[in-house]
Amino acid sequence: MGMMYYADSRVAIEVDDRALAHIKMVMVSKLRRNESFTFSWDRPDGGGRMSFWMASTIPLVFEFSDPTPVMINRQWVEEMSQAAGSLHGLFLLPEPELVQ
């Protein structure tokens, strides 16, 4: 399990390394273009959802438990990128099957 830390928040968002690698690609791509967006996720304790406003001026750290990079599913990145550009913002979508 990887962790994502945002701003000075003490809240760590626990995300599977594979999913975190894909979320990172989407976030870095948008933030490099100075595009702000929301990122939302379901709380693991069943206590609802949380959302953060993501902006390039706010520190963001990605921490992976496995040192080996994962193979990227470009379709998954594209689907989450489209979501990030919508009014609903970025959220973790199920990974689509790789098309060969």
N, C-alpha and C. Protein backbone atom coordinates (compact mmCIF):
# COMPACT_ATOMS: atom_id res chain seq x y z
N MET A 1 0.84 -1.19 0.00
CA MET A 1 0.00 0.00 0.00
C MET A 1 0.88 1.24 0.00
N GLY A 2 0.57 2.15 -0.88
CA GLY A 2 1.24 3.43 -0.91
C GLY A 2 0.46 4.46 -0.12
N MET A 3 1.06 5.61 0.07
CA MET A 3 0.42 6.70 0.80
C MET A 3 0.56 7.98 0.00
N MET A 4 -0.43 8.85 0.11
CA MET A 4 -0.36 10.17 -0.49
C MET A 4 -0.60 11.19 0.61
N TYR A 5 0.27 12.17 0.71
CA TYR A 5 0.15 13.23 1.70
C TYR A 5 -0.05 14.54 0.97
N TYR A 6 -0.97 15.35 1.44
CA TYR A 6 -1.31 16.59 0.76
C TYR A 6 -1.17 17.77 1.71
N ALA A 7 -0.46 18.79 1.24
CA ALA A 7 -0.24 20.02 2.01
C ALA A 7 0.34 19.70 3.37
N ASP A 8 -0.09 20.40 4.38
CA ASP A 8 0.39 20.16 5.74
C ASP A 8 -0.55 19.22 6.48
N SER A 9 -1.40 18.55 5.74
CA SER A 9 -2.40 17.67 6.32
C SER A 9 -1.75 16.49 7.02
N ARG A 10 -2.31 16.11 8.13
CA ARG A 10 -1.88 14.91 8.83
C ARG A 10 -2.64 13.70 8.28
N VAL A 11 -3.54 13.95 7.35
CA VAL A 11 -4.33 12.88 6.75
C VAL A 11 -3.49 12.21 5.66
N ALA A 12 -3.30 10.93 5.80
CA ALA A 12 -2.62 10.14 4.78
C ALA A 12 -3.69 9.33 4.05
N ILE A 13 -3.65 9.36 2.76
CA ILE A 13 -4.60 8.62 1.95
C ILE A 13 -3.93 7.32 1.53
N GLU A 14 -4.42 6.20 2.02
CA GLU A 14 -3.83 4.91 1.69
C GLU A 14 -4.41 4.39 0.39
N VAL A 15 -3.53 4.12 -0.56
CA VAL A 15 -3.95 3.68 -1.89
C VAL A 15 -3.01 2.56 -2.34
N ASP A 16 -3.55 1.54 -2.95
CA ASP A 16 -2.76 0.47 -3.54
C ASP A 16 -1.69 1.08 -4.45
N ASP A 17 -0.46 0.54 -4.43
CA ASP A 17 0.63 1.09 -5.24
C ASP A 17 0.27 1.20 -6.72
N ARG A 18 -0.40 0.21 -7.26
CA ARG A 18 -0.76 0.23 -8.69
C ARG A 18 -1.69 1.41 -8.98
N ALA A 19 -2.73 1.55 -8.18
CA ALA A 19 -3.67 2.65 -8.36
C ALA A 19 -2.98 3.99 -8.13
N LEU A 20 -2.11 4.06 -7.11
CA LEU A 20 -1.41 5.30 -6.80
C LEU A 20 -0.53 5.75 -7.95
N ALA A 21 0.13 4.82 -8.62
CA ALA A 21 0.96 5.18 -9.78
C ALA A 21 0.13 5.83 -10.88
N HIS A 22 -1.08 5.35 -11.08
CA HIS A 22 -1.96 5.90 -12.12
C HIS A 22 -2.53 7.26 -11.69
N ILE A 23 -2.91 7.36 -10.43
CA ILE A 23 -3.40 8.64 -9.91
C ILE A 23 -2.29 9.69 -10.01
N LYS A 24 -1.08 9.30 -9.69
CA LYS A 24 0.06 10.21 -9.76
C LYS A 24 0.23 10.75 -11.18
N MET A 25 0.14 9.88 -12.17
CA MET A 25 0.29 10.33 -13.57
C MET A 25 -0.76 11.37 -13.93
N VAL A 26 -1.99 11.14 -13.52
CA VAL A 26 -3.07 12.08 -13.81
C VAL A 26 -2.82 13.41 -13.10
N MET A 27 -2.51 13.33 -11.82
CA MET A 27 -2.31 14.56 -11.04
C MET A 27 -1.13 15.37 -11.54
N VAL A 28 -0.01 14.72 -11.76
CA VAL A 28 1.18 15.43 -12.22
C VAL A 28 0.93 16.08 -13.57
N SER A 29 0.25 15.37 -14.45
CA SER A 29 -0.06 15.92 -15.77
C SER A 29 -0.89 17.20 -15.66
N LYS A 30 -1.93 17.16 -14.83
CA LYS A 30 -2.80 18.34 -14.68
C LYS A 30 -2.09 19.48 -13.96
N LEU A 31 -1.36 19.15 -12.90
CA LEU A 31 -0.71 20.19 -12.11
C LEU A 31 0.45 20.85 -12.87
N ARG A 32 1.11 20.11 -13.75
CA ARG A 32 2.16 20.71 -14.58
C ARG A 32 1.59 21.79 -15.50
N ARG A 33 0.33 21.63 -15.86
CA ARG A 33 -0.34 22.62 -16.72
C ARG A 33 -1.08 23.67 -15.88
N ASN A 34 -0.83 23.67 -14.57
CA ASN A 34 -1.49 24.58 -13.63
C ASN A 34 -3.00 24.46 -13.67
N GLU A 35 -3.50 23.25 -13.87
CA GLU A 35 -4.93 22.98 -13.86
C GLU A 35 -5.31 22.46 -12.47
N SER A 36 -6.14 23.19 -11.77
CA SER A 36 -6.63 22.76 -10.46
C SER A 36 -7.84 21.86 -10.64
N PHE A 37 -8.10 21.01 -9.66
CA PHE A 37 -9.22 20.07 -9.73
C PHE A 37 -9.46 19.51 -8.34
N THR A 38 -10.56 18.79 -8.16
CA THR A 38 -10.81 18.10 -6.89
C THR A 38 -10.41 16.64 -7.01
N PHE A 39 -10.00 16.07 -5.90
CA PHE A 39 -9.71 14.65 -5.80
C PHE A 39 -10.55 14.12 -4.65
N SER A 40 -11.38 13.12 -4.91
CA SER A 40 -12.29 12.57 -3.90
C SER A 40 -12.08 11.08 -3.77
N TRP A 41 -12.33 10.56 -2.58
CA TRP A 41 -12.24 9.13 -2.35
C TRP A 41 -13.15 8.75 -1.20
N ASP A 42 -13.51 7.46 -1.18
CA ASP A 42 -14.32 6.91 -0.09
C ASP A 42 -13.39 6.64 1.10
N ARG A 43 -13.83 7.04 2.25
CA ARG A 43 -13.04 6.76 3.46
C ARG A 43 -13.07 5.27 3.75
N PRO A 44 -11.91 4.67 4.06
CA PRO A 44 -11.87 3.22 4.27
C PRO A 44 -12.66 2.75 5.49
N ASP A 45 -12.93 3.65 6.44
CA ASP A 45 -13.68 3.27 7.64
C ASP A 45 -15.18 3.30 7.41
N GLY A 46 -15.59 3.57 6.15
CA GLY A 46 -17.01 3.64 5.84
C GLY A 46 -17.65 4.94 6.29
N GLY A 47 -16.83 5.92 6.66
CA GLY A 47 -17.32 7.18 7.18
C GLY A 47 -17.56 8.24 6.12
N GLY A 48 -17.94 7.84 4.94
CA GLY A 48 -18.27 8.80 3.89
C GLY A 48 -17.14 9.03 2.90
N ARG A 49 -17.14 10.22 2.31
CA ARG A 49 -16.16 10.59 1.30
C ARG A 49 -15.40 11.82 1.76
N MET A 50 -14.21 11.98 1.21
CA MET A 50 -13.42 13.18 1.45
C MET A 50 -13.00 13.73 0.10
N SER A 51 -12.81 15.04 0.02
CA SER A 51 -12.33 15.68 -1.20
C SER A 51 -11.28 16.72 -0.85
N PHE A 52 -10.27 16.81 -1.69
CA PHE A 52 -9.25 17.85 -1.58
C PHE A 52 -9.27 18.68 -2.86
N TRP A 53 -9.00 19.96 -2.73
CA TRP A 53 -8.79 20.84 -3.88
C TRP A 53 -7.31 20.73 -4.22
N MET A 54 -7.01 20.26 -5.42
CA MET A 54 -5.63 20.05 -5.84
C MET A 54 -5.19 21.26 -6.68
N ALA A 55 -4.06 21.85 -6.28
CA ALA A 55 -3.51 23.00 -6.99
C ALA A 55 -1.99 22.87 -7.01
N SER A 56 -1.37 23.42 -8.03
CA SER A 56 0.08 23.27 -8.20
C SER A 56 0.89 23.98 -7.12
N THR A 57 0.28 24.86 -6.37
CA THR A 57 0.99 25.60 -5.34
C THR A 57 0.98 24.91 -3.98
N ILE A 58 0.32 23.76 -3.89
CA ILE A 58 0.19 23.05 -2.62
C ILE A 58 1.05 21.78 -2.67
N PRO A 59 1.92 21.57 -1.67
CA PRO A 59 2.79 20.39 -1.68
C PRO A 59 2.01 19.07 -1.71
N LEU A 60 2.55 18.12 -2.46
CA LEU A 60 1.94 16.81 -2.64
C LEU A 60 3.05 15.77 -2.65
N VAL A 61 2.91 14.71 -1.86
CA VAL A 61 3.93 13.67 -1.79
C VAL A 61 3.27 12.32 -2.09
N PHE A 62 3.92 11.53 -2.94
CA PHE A 62 3.49 10.17 -3.23
C PHE A 62 4.55 9.23 -2.64
N GLU A 63 4.13 8.26 -1.85
CA GLU A 63 5.05 7.33 -1.22
C GLU A 63 4.61 5.91 -1.57
N PHE A 64 5.47 5.18 -2.26
CA PHE A 64 5.16 3.82 -2.69
C PHE A 64 5.85 2.81 -1.79
N SER A 65 5.14 1.73 -1.45
CA SER A 65 5.73 0.70 -0.60
C SER A 65 6.66 -0.21 -1.39
N ASP A 66 6.41 -0.38 -2.68
CA ASP A 66 7.23 -1.24 -3.54
C ASP A 66 8.14 -0.36 -4.38
N PRO A 67 9.46 -0.59 -4.37
CA PRO A 67 10.37 0.25 -5.14
C PRO A 67 10.29 0.01 -6.66
N THR A 68 9.65 -1.06 -7.08
CA THR A 68 9.56 -1.38 -8.50
C THR A 68 8.38 -0.65 -9.14
N PRO A 69 8.63 0.16 -10.17
CA PRO A 69 7.52 0.85 -10.85
C PRO A 69 6.56 -0.16 -11.50
N VAL A 70 5.29 0.21 -11.55
CA VAL A 70 4.28 -0.67 -12.16
C VAL A 70 4.15 -0.36 -13.65
N MET A 71 3.64 -1.33 -14.41
CA MET A 71 3.32 -1.09 -15.82
C MET A 71 2.07 -0.22 -15.85
N ILE A 72 2.09 0.81 -16.68
CA ILE A 72 0.99 1.76 -16.74
C ILE A 72 -0.05 1.33 -17.77
N ASN A 73 -1.30 1.39 -17.36
CA ASN A 73 -2.45 1.12 -18.23
C ASN A 73 -2.91 2.49 -18.74
N ARG A 74 -2.55 2.82 -19.96
CA ARG A 74 -2.85 4.14 -20.53
C ARG A 74 -4.34 4.44 -20.57
N GLN A 75 -5.15 3.41 -20.79
CA GLN A 75 -6.60 3.61 -20.83
C GLN A 75 -7.11 4.07 -19.47
N TRP A 76 -6.58 3.50 -18.41
CA TRP A 76 -6.98 3.87 -17.05
C TRP A 76 -6.60 5.33 -16.78
N VAL A 77 -5.39 5.70 -17.18
CA VAL A 77 -4.94 7.09 -17.01
C VAL A 77 -5.87 8.02 -17.78
N GLU A 78 -6.21 7.67 -19.00
CA GLU A 78 -7.09 8.51 -19.82
C GLU A 78 -8.47 8.66 -19.19
N GLU A 79 -9.03 7.57 -18.69
CA GLU A 79 -10.36 7.63 -18.08
C GLU A 79 -10.36 8.51 -16.83
N MET A 80 -9.31 8.38 -16.01
CA MET A 80 -9.24 9.21 -14.81
C MET A 80 -8.92 10.66 -15.16
N SER A 81 -8.17 10.88 -16.24
CA SER A 81 -7.89 12.25 -16.69
C SER A 81 -9.17 12.94 -17.13
N GLN A 82 -10.02 12.21 -17.83
CA GLN A 82 -11.31 12.78 -18.24
C GLN A 82 -12.16 13.11 -17.02
N ALA A 83 -12.16 12.23 -16.03
CA ALA A 83 -12.92 12.48 -14.81
C ALA A 83 -12.38 13.73 -14.10
N ALA A 84 -11.05 13.85 -14.03
CA ALA A 84 -10.43 15.00 -13.35
C ALA A 84 -10.83 16.31 -14.01
N GLY A 85 -11.07 16.30 -15.31
CA GLY A 85 -11.46 17.50 -16.03
C GLY A 85 -12.94 17.81 -15.96
N SER A 86 -13.71 16.94 -15.32
CA SER A 86 -15.15 17.14 -15.22
C SER A 86 -15.51 17.87 -13.93
N LEU A 87 -16.79 18.20 -13.78
CA LEU A 87 -17.26 18.84 -12.55
C LEU A 87 -17.13 17.93 -11.33
N HIS A 88 -17.12 16.63 -11.54
CA HIS A 88 -17.01 15.68 -10.43
C HIS A 88 -15.57 15.55 -9.94
N GLY A 89 -14.61 15.87 -10.78
CA GLY A 89 -13.21 15.79 -10.39
C GLY A 89 -12.66 14.38 -10.44
N LEU A 90 -11.43 14.24 -10.01
CA LEU A 90 -10.73 12.96 -10.04
C LEU A 90 -11.19 12.08 -8.89
N PHE A 91 -11.42 10.82 -9.20
CA PHE A 91 -11.69 9.80 -8.20
C PHE A 91 -11.19 8.48 -8.77
N LEU A 92 -10.94 7.53 -7.90
CA LEU A 92 -10.39 6.25 -8.34
C LEU A 92 -11.46 5.45 -9.06
N LEU A 93 -11.24 5.21 -10.34
CA LEU A 93 -12.14 4.39 -11.15
C LEU A 93 -11.60 2.97 -11.18
N PRO A 94 -12.45 1.99 -11.43
CA PRO A 94 -11.94 0.61 -11.58
C PRO A 94 -11.01 0.54 -12.79
N GLU A 95 -9.98 -0.27 -12.67
CA GLU A 95 -9.03 -0.40 -13.78
C GLU A 95 -9.67 -1.18 -14.93
N PRO A 96 -9.65 -0.60 -16.15
CA PRO A 96 -10.15 -1.35 -17.30
C PRO A 96 -9.15 -2.42 -17.69
N GLU A 97 -9.64 -3.46 -18.35
CA GLU A 97 -8.75 -4.51 -18.83
C GLU A 97 -7.84 -3.94 -19.92
N LEU A 98 -6.61 -4.42 -19.91
CA LEU A 98 -5.66 -3.99 -20.94
C LEU A 98 -6.08 -4.55 -22.29
N VAL A 99 -6.12 -3.69 -23.30
CA VAL A 99 -6.44 -4.10 -24.66
C VAL A 99 -5.12 -4.37 -25.37
N GLN A 100 -4.97 -5.56 -25.91
CA GLN A 100 -3.69 -5.91 -26.55
C GLN A 100 -3.76 -5.82 -28.03
